[in-house]
């Protein structure tokens, strides 16, 4: 997930979106709808085009436009069935960095053990 790859907390992203952390958690679980404005804010946060953020290979996107009392409301609901190529590459990069850190720590442990 993009948020975790960027080391953002739910609290941080929810503040960027101007919603509560609980509401953001529901968005991540696909249990709440996200507005177009919030999708634009997420795209800015992750430095992606809105189209790239929405055009995720293994996702189903449902677009809702509702009219109530003369007010038009537009929502996009995203069901996550997989991850995008961008997320996949970020995961690979994160894994590579973690493996590198792990190797350095293992070398440090070996050096410290040898001194004992």
N, C-alpha and C. Protein backbone atom coordinates (compact mmCIF):
# COMPACT_ATOMS: atom_id res chain seq x y z
N UNK A 1 0.84 -1.16 0.00
CA UNK A 1 0.00 0.00 0.00
C UNK A 1 0.89 1.24 0.00
N UNK A 2 0.50 2.21 -0.77
CA UNK A 2 1.33 3.41 -0.94
C UNK A 2 1.65 4.10 0.38
N UNK A 3 0.68 4.17 1.27
CA UNK A 3 0.89 4.86 2.54
C UNK A 3 2.03 4.22 3.32
N UNK A 4 2.04 2.91 3.40
CA UNK A 4 3.06 2.21 4.16
C UNK A 4 4.43 2.29 3.49
N UNK A 5 4.44 2.22 2.17
CA UNK A 5 5.69 2.31 1.44
C UNK A 5 6.35 3.67 1.68
N UNK A 6 5.53 4.71 1.80
CA UNK A 6 6.05 6.06 2.05
C UNK A 6 6.25 6.34 3.55
N UNK A 7 6.01 5.32 4.38
CA UNK A 7 6.16 5.46 5.84
C UNK A 7 5.26 6.54 6.41
N UNK A 8 4.05 6.68 5.83
CA UNK A 8 3.07 7.62 6.35
C UNK A 8 2.14 6.88 7.30
N UNK A 9 1.76 7.53 8.38
CA UNK A 9 0.78 6.95 9.29
C UNK A 9 -0.62 7.26 8.78
N UNK A 10 -1.58 6.49 9.27
CA UNK A 10 -2.97 6.78 8.92
C UNK A 10 -3.35 8.18 9.41
N UNK A 11 -2.81 8.57 10.57
CA UNK A 11 -3.11 9.88 11.11
C UNK A 11 -2.61 10.99 10.18
N UNK A 12 -1.40 10.81 9.63
CA UNK A 12 -0.85 11.82 8.74
C UNK A 12 -1.69 11.95 7.47
N UNK A 13 -1.98 10.81 6.83
CA UNK A 13 -2.74 10.85 5.58
C UNK A 13 -4.15 11.38 5.84
N UNK A 14 -4.74 10.99 6.97
CA UNK A 14 -6.08 11.50 7.27
C UNK A 14 -6.06 13.01 7.47
N UNK A 15 -4.98 13.54 8.05
CA UNK A 15 -4.90 15.00 8.22
C UNK A 15 -4.75 15.69 6.87
N UNK A 16 -4.00 15.07 5.94
CA UNK A 16 -3.86 15.63 4.59
C UNK A 16 -5.23 15.66 3.90
N UNK A 17 -6.02 14.61 4.13
CA UNK A 17 -7.34 14.51 3.50
C UNK A 17 -8.41 15.27 4.28
N UNK A 18 -8.05 15.77 5.45
CA UNK A 18 -8.98 16.50 6.31
C UNK A 18 -10.16 15.63 6.73
N UNK A 19 -9.83 14.40 7.15
CA UNK A 19 -10.82 13.47 7.68
C UNK A 19 -10.25 12.84 8.94
N UNK A 20 -11.07 12.14 9.68
CA UNK A 20 -10.60 11.50 10.91
C UNK A 20 -9.79 10.24 10.56
N UNK A 21 -8.88 9.85 11.44
CA UNK A 21 -8.14 8.61 11.20
C UNK A 21 -9.07 7.40 11.06
N UNK A 22 -10.18 7.40 11.80
CA UNK A 22 -11.13 6.30 11.71
C UNK A 22 -11.75 6.23 10.32
N UNK A 23 -12.12 7.38 9.77
CA UNK A 23 -12.69 7.43 8.42
C UNK A 23 -11.65 6.97 7.40
N UNK A 24 -10.39 7.41 7.59
CA UNK A 24 -9.35 6.98 6.65
C UNK A 24 -9.16 5.47 6.72
N UNK A 25 -9.20 4.91 7.92
CA UNK A 25 -9.07 3.46 8.07
C UNK A 25 -10.17 2.74 7.29
N UNK A 26 -11.38 3.28 7.34
CA UNK A 26 -12.48 2.70 6.58
C UNK A 26 -12.23 2.79 5.07
N UNK A 27 -11.63 3.91 4.63
CA UNK A 27 -11.29 4.06 3.21
C UNK A 27 -10.31 2.98 2.79
N UNK A 28 -9.29 2.75 3.62
CA UNK A 28 -8.28 1.74 3.28
C UNK A 28 -8.89 0.35 3.18
N UNK A 29 -9.89 0.08 4.00
CA UNK A 29 -10.54 -1.23 4.01
C UNK A 29 -11.60 -1.35 2.92
N UNK A 30 -11.85 -0.25 2.20
CA UNK A 30 -12.88 -0.27 1.17
C UNK A 30 -14.28 -0.21 1.74
N UNK A 31 -14.40 0.25 2.99
CA UNK A 31 -15.70 0.31 3.65
C UNK A 31 -16.30 1.71 3.65
N UNK A 32 -15.66 2.64 2.97
CA UNK A 32 -16.16 4.01 2.85
C UNK A 32 -15.83 4.51 1.45
N UNK A 33 -16.57 5.52 1.03
CA UNK A 33 -16.35 6.09 -0.29
C UNK A 33 -15.39 7.27 -0.19
N UNK A 34 -14.63 7.46 -1.25
CA UNK A 34 -13.68 8.57 -1.31
C UNK A 34 -14.14 9.55 -2.38
N UNK A 35 -14.00 10.83 -2.10
CA UNK A 35 -14.43 11.85 -3.06
C UNK A 35 -13.31 12.13 -4.06
N UNK A 36 -13.70 12.73 -5.16
CA UNK A 36 -12.73 13.12 -6.18
C UNK A 36 -11.70 14.08 -5.60
N UNK A 37 -12.16 15.02 -4.77
CA UNK A 37 -11.23 15.98 -4.15
C UNK A 37 -10.16 15.25 -3.33
N UNK A 38 -10.57 14.23 -2.62
CA UNK A 38 -9.60 13.49 -1.80
C UNK A 38 -8.66 12.65 -2.65
N UNK A 39 -9.16 12.16 -3.76
CA UNK A 39 -8.28 11.42 -4.67
C UNK A 39 -7.21 12.38 -5.21
N UNK A 40 -7.61 13.61 -5.52
CA UNK A 40 -6.65 14.61 -6.00
C UNK A 40 -5.61 14.91 -4.92
N UNK A 41 -6.04 15.00 -3.65
CA UNK A 41 -5.09 15.24 -2.57
C UNK A 41 -4.12 14.07 -2.40
N UNK A 42 -4.64 12.85 -2.55
CA UNK A 42 -3.76 11.68 -2.47
C UNK A 42 -2.75 11.68 -3.61
N UNK A 43 -3.21 12.02 -4.79
CA UNK A 43 -2.30 12.08 -5.95
C UNK A 43 -1.19 13.09 -5.69
N UNK A 44 -1.53 14.25 -5.12
CA UNK A 44 -0.52 15.26 -4.79
C UNK A 44 0.43 14.72 -3.72
N UNK A 45 -0.11 14.07 -2.71
CA UNK A 45 0.70 13.54 -1.63
C UNK A 45 1.73 12.54 -2.15
N UNK A 46 1.28 11.64 -3.04
CA UNK A 46 2.16 10.59 -3.55
C UNK A 46 2.87 11.00 -4.85
N UNK A 47 2.68 12.26 -5.24
CA UNK A 47 3.32 12.81 -6.44
C UNK A 47 3.00 11.96 -7.68
N UNK A 48 1.72 11.67 -7.85
CA UNK A 48 1.24 10.91 -8.98
C UNK A 48 0.16 11.71 -9.69
N UNK A 49 -0.03 11.44 -10.96
CA UNK A 49 -1.18 11.99 -11.66
C UNK A 49 -2.41 11.28 -11.14
N UNK A 50 -3.54 11.97 -11.11
CA UNK A 50 -4.77 11.36 -10.66
C UNK A 50 -5.06 10.11 -11.49
N UNK A 51 -4.85 10.22 -12.80
CA UNK A 51 -5.10 9.08 -13.68
C UNK A 51 -4.22 7.89 -13.30
N UNK A 52 -2.96 8.15 -12.95
CA UNK A 52 -2.06 7.06 -12.55
C UNK A 52 -2.49 6.45 -11.23
N UNK A 53 -2.97 7.30 -10.33
CA UNK A 53 -3.43 6.80 -9.03
C UNK A 53 -4.66 5.93 -9.21
N UNK A 54 -5.55 6.34 -10.09
CA UNK A 54 -6.78 5.58 -10.31
C UNK A 54 -6.56 4.39 -11.22
N UNK A 55 -5.68 4.54 -12.20
CA UNK A 55 -5.44 3.47 -13.19
C UNK A 55 -4.51 2.42 -12.58
N UNK A 56 -5.07 1.67 -11.68
CA UNK A 56 -4.29 0.64 -11.02
C UNK A 56 -4.74 -0.69 -11.60
N UNK A 57 -3.78 -1.47 -12.05
CA UNK A 57 -4.06 -2.67 -12.84
C UNK A 57 -5.13 -3.60 -12.26
N UNK A 58 -4.99 -3.98 -11.02
CA UNK A 58 -5.85 -5.02 -10.48
C UNK A 58 -6.95 -4.48 -9.58
N UNK A 59 -7.50 -3.34 -9.93
CA UNK A 59 -8.54 -2.76 -9.10
C UNK A 59 -9.80 -2.52 -9.92
N UNK A 60 -10.91 -2.62 -9.23
CA UNK A 60 -12.20 -2.28 -9.81
C UNK A 60 -12.60 -0.95 -9.23
N UNK A 61 -12.91 -0.01 -10.09
CA UNK A 61 -13.27 1.33 -9.65
C UNK A 61 -14.73 1.58 -10.00
N UNK A 62 -15.51 1.96 -9.00
CA UNK A 62 -16.93 2.24 -9.21
C UNK A 62 -17.15 3.73 -8.97
N UNK A 63 -17.74 4.38 -9.93
CA UNK A 63 -17.94 5.83 -9.88
C UNK A 63 -19.43 6.09 -9.63
N UNK A 64 -19.73 6.87 -8.58
CA UNK A 64 -21.10 7.18 -8.21
C UNK A 64 -21.34 8.68 -8.35
N UNK A 65 -22.45 9.03 -8.98
CA UNK A 65 -22.91 10.42 -8.95
C UNK A 65 -24.35 10.36 -8.43
N UNK A 66 -24.60 11.04 -7.32
CA UNK A 66 -25.93 11.03 -6.74
C UNK A 66 -26.47 12.45 -6.68
N UNK A 67 -27.78 12.55 -6.78
CA UNK A 67 -28.46 13.84 -6.68
C UNK A 67 -29.42 13.76 -5.49
N UNK A 68 -29.29 14.71 -4.57
CA UNK A 68 -30.16 14.75 -3.41
C UNK A 68 -30.51 16.20 -3.11
N UNK A 69 -31.77 16.50 -3.12
CA UNK A 69 -32.24 17.87 -2.85
C UNK A 69 -31.55 18.90 -3.74
N UNK A 70 -31.35 18.55 -5.00
CA UNK A 70 -30.73 19.48 -5.94
C UNK A 70 -29.22 19.58 -5.80
N UNK A 71 -28.62 18.81 -4.89
CA UNK A 71 -27.17 18.84 -4.69
C UNK A 71 -26.57 17.60 -5.34
N UNK A 72 -25.59 17.83 -6.17
CA UNK A 72 -24.90 16.73 -6.84
C UNK A 72 -23.70 16.31 -6.02
N UNK A 73 -23.59 15.03 -5.77
CA UNK A 73 -22.47 14.49 -5.00
C UNK A 73 -21.77 13.44 -5.85
N UNK A 74 -20.46 13.51 -5.91
CA UNK A 74 -19.69 12.60 -6.74
C UNK A 74 -18.71 11.83 -5.86
N UNK A 75 -18.75 10.51 -5.94
CA UNK A 75 -17.87 9.65 -5.15
C UNK A 75 -17.26 8.58 -6.03
N UNK A 76 -16.09 8.15 -5.64
CA UNK A 76 -15.42 7.04 -6.30
C UNK A 76 -15.15 6.00 -5.25
N UNK A 77 -15.54 4.77 -5.51
CA UNK A 77 -15.29 3.68 -4.59
C UNK A 77 -14.28 2.74 -5.23
N UNK A 78 -13.20 2.46 -4.56
CA UNK A 78 -12.15 1.63 -5.12
C UNK A 78 -12.08 0.33 -4.34
N UNK A 79 -12.24 -0.79 -5.04
CA UNK A 79 -12.12 -2.10 -4.42
C UNK A 79 -10.74 -2.64 -4.77
N UNK A 80 -9.96 -2.94 -3.77
CA UNK A 80 -8.60 -3.40 -4.01
C UNK A 80 -8.57 -4.91 -4.22
N UNK A 81 -8.18 -5.31 -5.42
CA UNK A 81 -8.03 -6.71 -5.74
C UNK A 81 -6.57 -7.06 -5.96
N UNK A 82 -5.69 -6.11 -5.84
CA UNK A 82 -4.28 -6.32 -6.09
C UNK A 82 -3.55 -5.01 -5.88
N UNK A 83 -2.36 -4.92 -6.41
CA UNK A 83 -1.59 -3.68 -6.27
C UNK A 83 -1.17 -3.19 -7.65
N UNK A 84 -0.93 -1.91 -7.73
CA UNK A 84 -0.53 -1.31 -9.00
C UNK A 84 0.95 -1.59 -9.28
N UNK A 85 1.36 -1.33 -10.49
CA UNK A 85 2.77 -1.48 -10.86
C UNK A 85 3.63 -0.54 -10.04
N UNK A 86 3.12 0.69 -9.80
CA UNK A 86 3.87 1.67 -9.01
C UNK A 86 4.08 1.16 -7.59
N UNK A 87 3.00 0.63 -6.99
CA UNK A 87 3.12 0.08 -5.64
C UNK A 87 4.08 -1.10 -5.62
N UNK A 88 3.96 -1.96 -6.62
CA UNK A 88 4.83 -3.14 -6.70
C UNK A 88 6.30 -2.72 -6.75
N UNK A 89 6.60 -1.70 -7.55
CA UNK A 89 7.99 -1.21 -7.63
C UNK A 89 8.44 -0.60 -6.32
N UNK A 90 7.54 0.14 -5.65
CA UNK A 90 7.89 0.71 -4.35
C UNK A 90 8.13 -0.39 -3.32
N UNK A 91 7.32 -1.44 -3.37
CA UNK A 91 7.55 -2.58 -2.47
C UNK A 91 8.92 -3.22 -2.73
N UNK A 92 9.24 -3.42 -4.01
CA UNK A 92 10.53 -4.01 -4.35
C UNK A 92 11.68 -3.15 -3.83
N UNK A 93 11.56 -1.84 -4.01
CA UNK A 93 12.58 -0.91 -3.52
C UNK A 93 12.69 -0.99 -2.01
N UNK A 94 11.57 -1.01 -1.33
CA UNK A 94 11.57 -1.10 0.14
C UNK A 94 12.19 -2.41 0.60
N UNK A 95 11.85 -3.50 -0.05
CA UNK A 95 12.42 -4.81 0.31
C UNK A 95 13.92 -4.81 0.09
N UNK A 96 14.35 -4.23 -1.01
CA UNK A 96 15.79 -4.16 -1.30
C UNK A 96 16.52 -3.37 -0.22
N UNK A 97 15.95 -2.25 0.17
CA UNK A 97 16.56 -1.43 1.22
C UNK A 97 16.60 -2.18 2.54
N UNK A 98 15.53 -2.87 2.87
CA UNK A 98 15.48 -3.63 4.12
C UNK A 98 16.48 -4.78 4.10
N UNK A 99 16.63 -5.44 2.97
CA UNK A 99 17.62 -6.52 2.86
C UNK A 99 19.03 -5.97 3.05
N UNK A 100 19.29 -4.81 2.48
CA UNK A 100 20.60 -4.17 2.64
C UNK A 100 20.86 -3.83 4.10
N UNK A 101 19.86 -3.26 4.76
CA UNK A 101 20.01 -2.94 6.18
C UNK A 101 20.21 -4.19 7.01
N UNK A 102 19.47 -5.24 6.67
CA UNK A 102 19.60 -6.51 7.37
C UNK A 102 21.01 -7.07 7.24
N UNK A 103 21.56 -7.02 6.03
CA UNK A 103 22.93 -7.52 5.81
C UNK A 103 23.94 -6.73 6.63
N UNK A 104 23.78 -5.42 6.68
CA UNK A 104 24.69 -4.59 7.47
C UNK A 104 24.60 -4.94 8.95
N UNK A 105 23.38 -5.15 9.42
CA UNK A 105 23.20 -5.51 10.82
C UNK A 105 23.80 -6.89 11.13
N UNK A 106 23.66 -7.80 10.20
CA UNK A 106 24.24 -9.14 10.40
C UNK A 106 25.77 -9.05 10.48
N UNK A 107 26.37 -8.23 9.63
CA UNK A 107 27.83 -8.04 9.69
C UNK A 107 28.24 -7.42 11.02
N UNK A 108 27.47 -6.46 11.49
CA UNK A 108 27.76 -5.82 12.77
C UNK A 108 27.66 -6.83 13.91
N UNK A 109 26.64 -7.66 13.86
CA UNK A 109 26.47 -8.71 14.88
C UNK A 109 27.66 -9.67 14.86
N UNK A 110 28.10 -10.06 13.67
CA UNK A 110 29.26 -10.94 13.55
C UNK A 110 30.50 -10.32 14.15
N UNK A 111 30.73 -9.03 13.88
CA UNK A 111 31.90 -8.33 14.42
C UNK A 111 31.82 -8.25 15.94
N UNK A 112 30.66 -7.93 16.46
CA UNK A 112 30.49 -7.83 17.91
C UNK A 112 30.64 -9.19 18.59
N UNK A 113 30.13 -10.22 17.95
CA UNK A 113 30.26 -11.57 18.50
C UNK A 113 31.71 -12.02 18.52
N UNK A 114 32.45 -11.65 17.50
CA UNK A 114 33.86 -12.03 17.43
C UNK A 114 34.68 -11.36 18.54
N UNK A 115 34.24 -10.20 18.99
CA UNK A 115 34.95 -9.49 20.06
C UNK A 115 34.68 -10.11 21.42
N UNK A 116 33.63 -10.88 21.56
CA UNK A 116 33.29 -11.49 22.86
C UNK A 116 34.11 -12.67 23.12
